[in-house]
Amino acid sequence: MKIATYFGAVKLLLFWLAAASMVLLAIVQTNPNETFITLSAVVQANPNETFVSQDMLSYGFSMTSLQGGNEVDPRKTITLEAVGLGARLSKVELLDGTGKVLFEAKDQTRLSLPVPLAFETRHTIKVTAERSWSEQSETREINFTTVAVPKLEGPTLTMVGPDASVTLHFDRPVGEVQATGDLTLRAEHDATGQNIRLLASDYEQDHKYAVQLNYKTTKGVLLPPLNLELTTPPPLAAETNVRGLTNLGLVLPLQVTFSEPLADRANAASNLQVRTRDGKAISGKWRWIGPRQLRFIPRPTWPASSTIEVSDDGQNLRSERGGLLKQALIEQFSTGTDRRLFVYLDSQRVEAVENGKVVRTFKVSTGKSKTPTVTGSFYIYDRYRHKKMHSDVGRGQRGFYEVEDVPYTQFFHKDYAFHGAFWHNNFGHPASHGCVNMATKDQNKSWPNVSEDAGWLYQWAALGLPVTVTHDAPEPMQAGHEPAEESKSLNQEARSEAAARQELSGRVVVQR
């Protein structure tokens, strides 16, 4: 009997010693990543994290500190451990915001919740801790929300801009940003942290690059990578209207056509040079005639019998989308002798002048009184060996005409042209709808022995050849006689301006 009483006292003493040890362990706990939670009488310091026991013989569980219940890193491992003599985690559940059970465990002393969790999701941890020998059991809930992912406002497929950059806009500030892939990118934040500018370097034009954006929250939580597709602008292309042409007339405007509008239109001309083959600069004036067309008019004319080169100075021409010239613009053309045509309406004749001397005179038929030939300074801008010509009024209407295969057609202003006329032989008198009719043998069955004036002029003339049409002729000139200076250089400035306004429009529709 005494022995039983003795062992009972020893057992009680051991029990209280164990209890005192657990209390001491709870007091000296210093791990900053864990929180001891006791499930008896509790004073809450933080309803989601910290509980302080008032019991001497505490029991409960410890859990990794969440350090901010609204921005928890979903990749962070959360560990729970039973604390106290005989304590166990009889049941642990992890639920999402809809109440769906994501994880469940029973009868554990220590466990870790699965990771990663979903971003931007509210979660609940339900923990039931019990101590069977003291018949203690209680359940607690800890709520937290994982960090939100900043949303990209805009497409993930975008083109690198003219300044070789792409700006990404997020719905909230982001922290550190790094871009990886085949495209070299440097990230810059603005003051708000919501706009990230990616600066590209060393890229191919007209290429698509896959880019992975690795970024963090402002508190350093690593976010899921963002996959982007960045396309680079297509290369800029340029071509001229004179490439490879030879024997040109002296006033044909040089026109450079770009594949896209340029970013810096105002300074585009300063990046282009027009020189003779020996490097002498040619004076003239550049001006835009459309969104993509830049025209150069020489002052006063191109040098005769010369090879001329147009080129750009390197990488300064850039399209509005940022494309650069893939190949440098270097094109050449050559001019012929100084040839000019003079049309005199009063005498119904044309004079061909070369190097200041009349080389041939023709009787012609210009426009009748109701359809007169235009007067002024022009140039030949288009030529065809044969051309279908017809009026702009419909068949059956007054004034309608249509002629197939009009020979030796050379347009000098809108729909006005020099051409052969095989349908009449009344040269020296007005007879046309405004064009300059010339004698021709081509298709001429009625007058097969006429002079081939239209054919000769077609062979002698060229694109860009100056044409002057006046009402009154100067003093008659013989072959070999040099015309008056006024006739030779009749308002050169006006001719150049008129050259810039040539276009296929007017009362005659030309089908090519």
Protein backbone atom coordinates (compact mmCIF):
# COMPACT_ATOMS: atom_id res chain seq x y z
CA MET A 1 0.00 0.00 0.00
CA LYS A 2 2.83 2.38 0.88
CA ILE A 3 4.64 1.40 -2.32
CA ALA A 4 1.58 2.24 -4.44
CA THR A 5 1.25 5.60 -2.75
CA TYR A 6 4.93 6.28 -3.38
CA PHE A 7 4.76 5.50 -7.09
CA GLY A 8 1.62 7.62 -7.42
CA ALA A 9 3.45 10.60 -5.92
CA VAL A 10 6.42 10.10 -8.25
CA LYS A 11 4.12 9.92 -11.28
CA LEU A 12 2.41 13.17 -10.27
CA LEU A 13 5.78 14.83 -9.72
CA LEU A 14 6.99 13.77 -13.20
CA PHE A 15 3.79 15.08 -14.73
CA TRP A 16 4.27 18.54 -13.22
CA LEU A 17 7.93 18.61 -14.20
CA ALA A 18 7.00 17.86 -17.83
CA ALA A 19 4.33 20.53 -17.75
CA ALA A 20 6.77 23.09 -16.37
CA SER A 21 9.24 22.20 -19.14
CA MET A 22 6.64 22.85 -21.86
CA VAL A 23 5.74 26.22 -20.37
CA LEU A 24 9.40 27.19 -20.24
CA LEU A 25 9.84 26.11 -23.86
CA ALA A 26 6.94 28.29 -24.92
CA ILE A 27 8.37 31.30 -23.08
CA VAL A 28 11.86 31.09 -24.59
CA GLN A 29 10.64 30.41 -28.19
CA THR A 30 12.59 32.87 -30.33
CA ASN A 31 12.17 31.61 -33.92
CA PRO A 32 10.80 34.65 -35.82
CA ASN A 33 9.18 32.40 -38.42
CA GLU A 34 6.90 30.55 -36.00
CA THR A 35 3.96 31.49 -33.82
CA PHE A 36 2.74 29.39 -30.89
CA ILE A 37 -1.00 29.24 -30.65
CA THR A 38 -2.74 27.92 -27.52
CA LEU A 39 -6.31 26.87 -27.72
CA SER A 40 -7.54 27.53 -24.16
CA ALA A 41 -8.02 30.98 -22.69
CA VAL A 42 -6.50 33.35 -25.31
CA VAL A 43 -5.68 37.05 -25.69
CA GLN A 44 -5.45 37.92 -29.44
CA ALA A 45 -2.61 40.18 -30.53
CA ASN A 46 -3.30 39.51 -34.26
CA PRO A 47 -6.50 37.56 -35.14
CA ASN A 48 -4.81 35.78 -38.02
CA GLU A 49 -1.44 35.00 -36.53
CA THR A 50 -0.55 35.51 -32.87
CA PHE A 51 -2.19 34.00 -29.78
CA VAL A 52 -0.77 34.23 -26.23
CA SER A 53 -1.80 31.63 -23.65
CA GLN A 54 -2.66 32.44 -20.06
CA ASP A 55 -2.61 28.77 -19.06
CA MET A 56 0.28 27.27 -17.16
CA LEU A 57 -0.02 23.96 -18.99
CA SER A 58 -0.58 25.19 -22.54
CA TYR A 59 -1.24 23.17 -25.59
CA GLY A 60 -1.87 24.07 -29.22
CA PHE A 61 0.24 24.43 -32.35
CA SER A 62 2.87 26.59 -33.97
CA MET A 63 2.62 27.93 -37.51
CA THR A 64 4.97 29.77 -39.88
CA SER A 65 4.36 33.49 -39.62
CA LEU A 66 2.49 34.89 -42.63
CA GLN A 67 3.79 38.44 -42.04
CA GLY A 68 0.88 40.26 -43.65
CA GLY A 69 -2.27 38.31 -44.20
CA ASN A 70 -3.26 40.15 -47.37
CA GLU A 71 -0.08 39.75 -49.45
CA VAL A 72 1.20 36.28 -48.69
CA ASP A 73 3.71 34.73 -51.06
CA PRO A 74 1.92 31.65 -52.50
CA ARG A 75 5.26 29.88 -52.87
CA LYS A 76 6.07 30.19 -49.20
CA THR A 77 5.96 26.92 -47.25
CA ILE A 78 3.58 27.06 -44.28
CA THR A 79 4.49 24.57 -41.53
CA LEU A 80 2.28 23.61 -38.57
CA GLU A 81 3.44 21.71 -35.48
CA ALA A 82 1.61 20.50 -32.38
CA VAL A 83 2.87 22.11 -29.15
CA GLY A 84 2.32 20.85 -25.63
CA LEU A 85 2.54 17.63 -23.68
CA GLY A 86 0.52 14.99 -25.54
CA ALA A 87 -0.82 17.52 -28.12
CA ARG A 88 -1.58 16.42 -31.66
CA LEU A 89 -3.03 17.98 -34.80
CA SER A 90 -6.07 15.80 -35.08
CA LYS A 91 -7.26 17.54 -38.28
CA VAL A 92 -5.84 20.19 -40.64
CA GLU A 93 -7.70 21.56 -43.67
CA LEU A 94 -6.71 24.15 -46.30
CA LEU A 95 -9.65 25.74 -48.12
CA ASP A 96 -9.90 28.32 -50.90
CA GLY A 97 -12.29 31.26 -50.97
CA THR A 98 -15.16 29.13 -52.25
CA GLY A 99 -14.85 26.65 -49.41
CA LYS A 100 -13.27 23.97 -51.55
CA VAL A 101 -10.89 21.75 -49.59
CA LEU A 102 -7.45 21.94 -51.17
CA PHE A 103 -5.61 19.82 -48.60
CA GLU A 104 -6.52 17.67 -45.59
CA ALA A 105 -4.45 15.78 -43.01
CA LYS A 106 -5.28 13.95 -39.75
CA ASP A 107 -3.49 12.87 -36.61
CA GLN A 108 -0.18 14.67 -37.23
CA THR A 109 2.35 16.29 -34.94
CA ARG A 110 4.04 18.30 -37.71
CA LEU A 111 3.17 18.97 -41.37
CA SER A 112 3.68 21.46 -44.22
CA LEU A 113 0.94 22.70 -46.52
CA PRO A 114 1.41 22.06 -50.25
CA VAL A 115 2.87 24.84 -52.41
CA PRO A 116 2.50 26.79 -54.53
CA LEU A 117 -0.93 28.14 -53.79
CA ALA A 118 -2.98 30.13 -56.24
CA PHE A 119 -2.20 33.84 -56.57
CA GLU A 120 -4.74 36.45 -55.56
CA THR A 121 -6.87 33.95 -53.63
CA ARG A 122 -8.31 33.99 -50.12
CA HIS A 123 -7.42 30.87 -48.13
CA THR A 124 -8.47 29.44 -44.78
CA ILE A 125 -6.50 27.04 -42.61
CA LYS A 126 -8.68 25.06 -40.17
CA VAL A 127 -6.70 23.40 -37.39
CA THR A 128 -8.10 21.10 -34.69
CA ALA A 129 -5.63 20.39 -31.89
CA GLU A 130 -6.38 17.97 -29.09
CA ARG A 131 -4.83 16.34 -26.05
CA SER A 132 -6.62 13.12 -25.36
CA TRP A 133 -5.39 12.37 -21.86
CA SER A 134 -6.70 15.75 -20.67
CA GLU A 135 -9.76 15.55 -22.95
CA GLN A 136 -8.95 18.94 -24.49
CA SER A 137 -9.91 19.72 -28.12
CA GLU A 138 -10.48 22.97 -29.96
CA THR A 139 -10.58 24.23 -33.58
CA ARG A 140 -9.16 27.49 -34.92
CA GLU A 141 -9.23 29.19 -38.35
CA ILE A 142 -6.48 31.34 -39.85
CA ASN A 143 -7.41 33.42 -42.92
CA PHE A 144 -5.00 34.94 -45.42
CA THR A 145 -4.89 36.10 -49.05
CA THR A 146 -2.09 35.41 -51.48
CA VAL A 147 -0.50 38.29 -53.34
CA ALA A 148 -2.28 39.74 -56.38
CA VAL A 149 -0.66 39.55 -59.81
CA PRO A 150 -0.41 42.96 -61.56
CA LYS A 151 -2.46 42.76 -64.74
CA LEU A 152 -1.01 43.90 -68.06
CA GLU A 153 -3.34 46.40 -69.69
CA GLY A 154 -2.87 45.79 -73.39
CA PRO A 155 -1.91 42.98 -75.78
CA THR A 156 0.97 40.60 -75.20
CA LEU A 157 1.77 40.82 -78.92
CA THR A 158 3.06 44.27 -79.76
CA MET A 159 5.52 46.01 -82.05
CA VAL A 160 8.70 47.69 -80.97
CA GLY A 161 8.19 51.42 -81.49
CA PRO A 162 10.18 53.90 -83.61
CA ASP A 163 12.38 54.66 -80.58
CA ALA A 164 13.18 50.92 -80.22
CA SER A 165 11.04 50.63 -77.10
CA VAL A 166 7.82 49.05 -75.83
CA THR A 167 5.87 50.46 -72.89
CA LEU A 168 3.90 48.03 -70.72
CA HIS A 169 1.13 49.40 -68.49
CA PHE A 170 0.02 47.45 -65.40
CA ASP A 171 -3.02 48.02 -63.21
CA ARG A 172 -0.81 48.36 -60.11
CA PRO A 173 2.84 49.09 -59.36
CA VAL A 174 5.40 46.36 -59.95
CA GLY A 175 8.86 45.91 -58.53
CA GLU A 176 11.99 44.52 -60.12
CA VAL A 177 11.64 43.56 -63.81
CA GLN A 178 13.94 41.45 -65.97
CA ALA A 179 13.31 40.40 -69.58
CA THR A 180 14.88 37.26 -71.03
CA GLY A 181 14.92 35.87 -74.55
CA ASP A 182 16.67 36.39 -77.87
CA LEU A 183 15.93 40.12 -77.80
CA THR A 184 18.14 42.27 -75.58
CA LEU A 185 15.90 44.49 -73.44
CA ARG A 186 16.54 46.96 -70.63
CA ALA A 187 13.66 47.85 -68.28
CA GLU A 188 12.90 51.34 -66.97
CA HIS A 189 10.17 52.23 -64.43
CA ASP A 190 8.28 55.49 -64.34
CA ALA A 191 7.45 57.30 -61.09
CA THR A 192 4.20 55.38 -60.57
CA GLY A 193 5.78 51.96 -61.03
CA GLN A 194 2.87 50.98 -63.27
CA ASN A 195 4.53 51.81 -66.60
CA ILE A 196 7.54 49.75 -67.62
CA ARG A 197 9.51 50.81 -70.68
CA LEU A 198 11.52 48.05 -72.37
CA LEU A 199 14.37 49.39 -74.51
CA ALA A 200 15.51 47.03 -77.28
CA SER A 201 18.93 46.85 -78.91
CA ASP A 202 20.66 44.77 -81.57
CA TYR A 203 17.55 43.38 -83.23
CA GLU A 204 16.67 42.21 -86.72
CA GLN A 205 14.01 44.08 -88.64
CA ASP A 206 10.69 42.41 -89.45
CA HIS A 207 11.26 39.70 -86.84
CA LYS A 208 9.16 38.23 -84.05
CA TYR A 209 10.83 37.65 -80.67
CA ALA A 210 9.51 35.56 -77.78
CA VAL A 211 10.26 37.36 -74.52
CA GLN A 212 9.70 36.19 -70.93
CA LEU A 213 9.16 38.94 -68.39
CA ASN A 214 10.27 37.98 -64.88
CA TYR A 215 8.99 40.46 -62.36
CA LYS A 216 8.19 40.93 -58.68
CA THR A 217 5.76 42.82 -56.52
CA THR A 218 6.91 46.00 -54.84
CA LYS A 219 7.54 43.87 -51.72
CA GLY A 220 9.75 41.45 -53.61
CA VAL A 221 7.37 38.53 -54.16
CA LEU A 222 8.26 36.73 -57.38
CA LEU A 223 5.31 36.69 -59.77
CA PRO A 224 4.46 34.17 -62.50
CA PRO A 225 6.47 35.00 -65.66
CA LEU A 226 4.68 36.98 -68.34
CA ASN A 227 5.19 35.76 -71.91
CA LEU A 228 5.30 38.44 -74.59
CA GLU A 229 5.73 38.43 -78.35
CA LEU A 230 7.50 41.51 -79.64
CA THR A 231 7.70 42.21 -83.35
CA THR A 232 10.20 44.59 -84.85
CA PRO A 233 9.32 47.03 -87.64
CA PRO A 234 9.76 45.95 -91.25
CA PRO A 235 12.67 47.56 -93.08
CA LEU A 236 12.14 50.78 -94.95
CA ALA A 237 12.50 50.61 -98.72
CA ALA A 238 13.07 53.41 -101.22
CA GLU A 239 13.09 53.58 -105.00
CA THR A 240 13.34 56.30 -107.59
CA ASN A 241 11.62 56.93 -110.89
CA VAL A 242 14.92 57.22 -112.77
CA ARG A 243 16.84 54.12 -111.78
CA GLY A 244 18.96 52.90 -114.67
CA LEU A 245 17.36 55.27 -117.21
CA THR A 246 19.55 56.82 -119.87
CA ASN A 247 19.37 59.75 -122.29
CA LEU A 248 16.81 61.58 -120.17
CA GLY A 249 15.61 65.08 -120.83
CA LEU A 250 16.87 67.87 -118.61
CA VAL A 251 13.80 68.72 -116.53
CA LEU A 252 12.38 65.35 -115.45
CA PRO A 253 11.86 65.63 -111.67
CA LEU A 254 13.60 63.04 -109.55
CA GLN A 255 11.09 61.27 -107.31
CA VAL A 256 11.95 59.06 -104.34
CA THR A 257 9.11 56.81 -103.17
CA PHE A 258 9.35 55.27 -99.70
CA SER A 259 7.55 52.09 -98.69
CA GLU A 260 6.13 53.85 -95.61
CA PRO A 261 5.73 57.42 -94.35
CA LEU A 262 8.86 58.72 -92.66
CA ALA A 263 9.10 59.62 -88.99
CA ASP A 264 11.03 62.85 -89.60
CA ARG A 265 9.62 64.23 -92.84
CA ALA A 266 10.95 67.71 -92.23
CA ASN A 267 14.59 66.61 -92.30
CA ALA A 268 14.34 63.75 -94.79
CA ALA A 269 15.74 65.76 -97.70
CA SER A 270 18.87 66.63 -95.75
CA ASN A 271 19.74 62.92 -95.73
CA LEU A 272 19.66 62.64 -99.53
CA GLN A 273 22.37 63.76 -101.93
CA VAL A 274 22.15 64.38 -105.67
CA ARG A 275 25.52 64.62 -107.40
CA THR A 276 27.17 64.11 -110.73
CA ARG A 277 29.40 61.08 -111.10
CA ASP A 278 32.46 63.20 -110.35
CA GLY A 279 30.92 64.32 -107.02
CA LYS A 280 29.62 67.78 -107.93
CA ALA A 281 26.42 68.63 -106.03
CA ILE A 282 23.40 69.54 -108.15
CA SER A 283 21.31 72.42 -106.91
CA GLY A 284 17.57 72.02 -106.69
CA LYS A 285 14.58 71.92 -104.42
CA TRP A 286 13.05 68.97 -102.53
CA ARG A 287 9.40 68.92 -101.60
CA TRP A 288 6.84 66.33 -100.51
CA ILE A 289 4.11 65.56 -103.04
CA GLY A 290 2.38 62.82 -101.00
CA PRO A 291 2.68 60.85 -97.77
CA ARG A 292 5.53 58.75 -99.21
CA GLN A 293 6.78 60.67 -102.26
CA LEU A 294 9.62 63.17 -102.11
CA ARG A 295 10.41 65.09 -105.31
CA PHE A 296 13.56 66.90 -106.38
CA ILE A 297 13.43 69.57 -109.10
CA PRO A 298 16.85 70.58 -110.45
CA ARG A 299 17.68 74.28 -110.72
CA PRO A 300 17.63 75.29 -113.47
CA THR A 301 17.97 71.88 -115.21
CA TRP A 302 20.00 68.68 -115.02
CA PRO A 303 23.44 69.02 -116.56
CA ALA A 304 23.37 67.70 -120.12
CA SER A 305 25.14 64.48 -121.10
CA SER A 306 25.91 63.59 -117.47
CA THR A 307 25.66 60.62 -115.15
CA ILE A 308 23.84 61.55 -111.96
CA GLU A 309 23.65 59.66 -108.68
CA VAL A 310 21.13 59.92 -105.85
CA SER A 311 22.04 58.40 -102.48
CA ASP A 312 21.24 58.53 -98.77
CA ASP A 313 23.78 59.23 -96.03
CA GLY A 314 23.32 56.06 -93.97
CA GLN A 315 20.94 55.15 -91.15
CA ASN A 316 19.11 58.44 -90.59
CA LEU A 317 16.02 57.71 -92.66
CA ARG A 318 13.47 55.93 -90.49
CA SER A 319 9.82 55.05 -91.06
CA GLU A 320 7.06 56.07 -88.67
CA ARG A 321 7.14 52.50 -87.34
CA GLY A 322 10.91 52.65 -86.86
CA GLY A 323 12.12 50.71 -89.90
CA LEU A 324 15.51 51.57 -91.39
CA LEU A 325 16.72 51.17 -94.94
CA LYS A 326 17.84 47.58 -95.34
CA GLN A 327 20.04 48.60 -98.25
CA ALA A 328 21.55 52.00 -98.88
CA LEU A 329 19.85 54.01 -101.61
CA ILE A 330 22.33 54.43 -104.45
CA GLU A 331 20.79 54.86 -107.90
CA GLN A 332 22.12 56.35 -111.11
CA PHE A 333 20.69 57.75 -114.32
CA SER A 334 22.07 59.72 -117.23
CA THR A 335 20.93 62.70 -119.26
CA GLY A 336 21.21 63.28 -122.99
CA THR A 337 21.95 66.41 -124.94
CA ASP A 338 20.09 69.66 -124.35
CA ARG A 339 16.93 68.97 -126.36
CA ARG A 340 13.77 71.09 -126.28
CA LEU A 341 10.43 71.22 -128.10
CA PHE A 342 8.57 74.42 -128.99
CA VAL A 343 4.93 74.33 -130.14
CA TYR A 344 3.59 77.44 -131.91
CA LEU A 345 -0.20 77.47 -132.17
CA ASP A 346 -0.51 80.43 -134.54
CA SER A 347 1.61 78.78 -137.24
CA GLN A 348 0.70 75.19 -136.31
CA ARG A 349 4.28 74.03 -136.20
CA VAL A 350 6.71 72.31 -133.83
CA GLU A 351 10.43 73.00 -133.64
CA ALA A 352 12.92 70.48 -132.27
CA VAL A 353 15.94 72.29 -130.80
CA GLU A 354 19.14 70.52 -129.77
CA ASN A 355 22.04 72.28 -128.08
CA GLY A 356 20.50 75.63 -129.01
CA LYS A 357 19.93 74.88 -132.69
CA VAL A 358 16.77 73.98 -134.60
CA VAL A 359 17.28 70.50 -135.99
CA ARG A 360 13.81 69.91 -137.44
CA THR A 361 10.49 71.69 -137.97
CA PHE A 362 7.10 69.95 -138.37
CA LYS A 363 3.66 70.95 -139.51
CA VAL A 364 1.18 69.74 -136.91
CA SER A 365 -2.49 69.93 -135.98
CA THR A 366 -3.25 71.19 -132.48
CA GLY A 367 -6.60 71.62 -130.71
CA LYS A 368 -9.63 73.12 -132.34
CA SER A 369 -11.23 76.26 -130.92
CA LYS A 370 -13.58 74.32 -128.62
CA THR A 371 -10.85 71.92 -127.52
CA PRO A 372 -7.70 74.07 -127.50
CA THR A 373 -4.21 72.88 -126.72
CA VAL A 374 -2.94 73.97 -123.30
CA THR A 375 -0.20 76.61 -123.24
CA GLY A 376 2.74 76.88 -120.86
CA SER A 377 5.97 75.13 -119.93
CA PHE A 378 5.86 71.34 -119.51
CA TYR A 379 7.93 68.22 -120.04
CA ILE A 380 7.39 64.76 -121.51
CA TYR A 381 6.43 62.57 -118.56
CA ASP A 382 5.17 59.37 -120.23
CA ARG A 383 5.73 57.62 -123.58
CA TYR A 384 4.13 54.68 -125.42
CA ARG A 385 4.80 53.14 -128.77
CA HIS A 386 1.05 52.51 -129.11
CA LYS A 387 -1.76 53.69 -126.87
CA LYS A 388 -5.52 53.32 -126.79
CA MET A 389 -7.11 56.73 -126.34
CA HIS A 390 -10.73 57.70 -125.84
CA SER A 391 -12.80 60.56 -124.49
CA ASP A 392 -14.20 60.73 -120.98
CA VAL A 393 -17.80 60.81 -122.24
CA GLY A 394 -19.68 57.59 -122.82
CA ARG A 395 -20.36 55.87 -126.10
CA GLY A 396 -23.29 57.48 -127.92
CA GLN A 397 -22.74 60.85 -126.26
CA ARG A 398 -21.67 63.94 -128.13
CA GLY A 399 -17.90 64.24 -128.31
CA PHE A 400 -17.23 60.54 -127.78
CA TYR A 401 -14.25 59.04 -129.57
CA GLU A 402 -12.08 55.96 -129.16
CA VAL A 403 -8.97 55.13 -131.15
CA GLU A 404 -6.95 51.94 -130.83
CA ASP A 405 -3.16 51.80 -131.14
CA VAL A 406 -2.41 55.50 -131.45
CA PRO A 407 1.27 55.50 -132.51
CA TYR A 408 4.22 57.31 -130.92
CA THR A 409 2.30 58.79 -128.00
CA GLN A 410 4.25 61.16 -125.72
CA PHE A 411 2.33 62.88 -122.91
CA PHE A 412 3.53 66.30 -121.81
CA HIS A 413 0.68 67.57 -119.58
CA LYS A 414 -2.18 65.57 -118.10
CA ASP A 415 -3.86 63.96 -121.15
CA TYR A 416 -2.20 66.24 -123.73
CA ALA A 417 0.28 64.42 -125.94
CA PHE A 418 2.27 64.41 -129.13
CA HIS A 419 1.16 61.45 -131.26
CA GLY A 420 0.82 60.23 -134.79
CA ALA A 421 -2.54 60.75 -136.51
CA PHE A 422 -3.34 58.39 -139.38
CA TRP A 423 -6.99 59.46 -139.65
CA HIS A 424 -6.39 62.84 -141.36
CA ASN A 425 -3.82 64.66 -143.46
CA ASN A 426 -4.74 68.25 -142.68
CA PHE A 427 -1.52 69.18 -140.88
CA GLY A 428 -0.87 72.89 -140.55
CA HIS A 429 -4.47 73.44 -139.38
CA PRO A 430 -6.15 72.86 -135.96
CA ALA A 431 -7.88 69.47 -135.98
CA SER A 432 -7.52 67.74 -132.60
CA HIS A 433 -9.21 67.49 -129.21
CA GLY A 434 -6.17 69.23 -127.68
CA CYS A 435 -3.27 66.91 -128.50
CA VAL A 436 -0.55 67.72 -131.01
CA ASN A 437 -1.26 65.58 -134.11
CA MET A 438 1.72 64.63 -136.28
CA ALA A 439 2.05 62.85 -139.61
CA THR A 440 2.84 59.12 -139.45
CA LYS A 441 3.09 56.13 -141.74
CA ASP A 442 2.02 53.79 -138.92
CA GLN A 443 -1.36 52.24 -139.87
CA ASN A 444 -1.83 55.00 -142.45
CA LYS A 445 -3.60 53.33 -145.38
CA SER A 446 -5.11 56.54 -146.73
CA TRP A 447 -1.86 58.53 -147.01
CA PRO A 448 0.96 55.99 -146.99
CA ASN A 449 3.55 58.39 -148.41
CA VAL A 450 3.43 61.02 -145.67
CA SER A 451 6.54 61.91 -143.71
CA GLU A 452 7.18 59.90 -140.51
CA ASP A 453 7.24 62.98 -138.27
CA ALA A 454 5.75 61.31 -135.17
CA GLY A 455 8.19 58.41 -135.38
CA TRP A 456 11.21 60.69 -135.76
CA LEU A 457 10.15 62.76 -132.75
CA TYR A 458 9.61 59.61 -130.68
CA GLN A 459 13.14 58.42 -131.41
CA TRP A 460 14.71 61.83 -130.82
CA ALA A 461 12.83 62.84 -127.66
CA ALA A 462 12.95 61.35 -124.16
CA LEU A 463 11.32 61.46 -120.76
CA GLY A 464 11.94 64.81 -119.14
CA LEU A 465 12.36 66.71 -122.37
CA PRO A 466 11.15 70.34 -121.96
CA VAL A 467 8.05 71.35 -123.94
CA THR A 468 6.99 74.97 -124.40
CA VAL A 469 3.59 75.75 -125.96
CA THR A 470 2.86 79.37 -126.98
CA HIS A 471 0.26 81.10 -129.12
CA ASP A 472 2.69 83.20 -131.14
CA ALA A 473 5.87 82.07 -132.77
CA PRO A 474 9.06 84.15 -132.69
CA GLU A 475 10.88 85.16 -135.85
CA PRO A 476 11.16 82.20 -138.25
CA MET A 477 14.27 80.09 -137.63
CA GLN A 478 16.08 77.99 -140.15
CA ALA A 479 17.86 74.70 -139.42
CA GLY A 480 21.25 75.50 -137.92
CA HIS A 481 20.07 78.88 -136.56
CA GLU A 482 20.26 79.40 -132.79
CA PRO A 483 16.95 80.64 -131.32
CA ALA A 484 16.67 83.79 -129.27
CA GLU A 485 17.68 83.51 -125.64
CA GLU A 486 14.10 84.17 -124.57
CA SER A 487 12.89 81.12 -126.49
CA LYS A 488 15.72 78.93 -125.21
CA SER A 489 15.09 79.59 -121.56
CA LEU A 490 11.43 80.55 -121.54
CA ASN A 491 10.70 80.97 -117.84
CA GLN A 492 12.85 78.09 -116.56
CA GLU A 493 11.54 78.57 -113.03
CA ALA A 494 7.93 78.28 -114.21
CA ARG A 495 8.82 75.12 -116.15
CA SER A 496 10.22 73.51 -113.03
CA GLU A 497 7.16 74.34 -110.99
CA ALA A 498 4.89 73.06 -113.76
CA ALA A 499 6.90 69.84 -113.81
CA ALA A 500 5.95 69.21 -110.22
CA ARG A 501 2.25 69.29 -111.09
CA GLN A 502 2.15 66.75 -113.90
CA GLU A 503 -0.55 64.11 -113.41
CA LEU A 504 -2.77 61.85 -115.49
CA SER A 505 -6.11 63.57 -115.18
CA GLY A 506 -8.30 65.61 -117.49
CA ARG A 507 -10.83 65.22 -120.19
CA VAL A 508 -9.18 62.27 -122.00
CA VAL A 509 -8.98 58.91 -120.22
CA VAL A 510 -5.89 56.92 -121.14
CA GLN A 511 -5.95 53.14 -120.79
CA ARG A 512 -2.55 51.54 -120.31
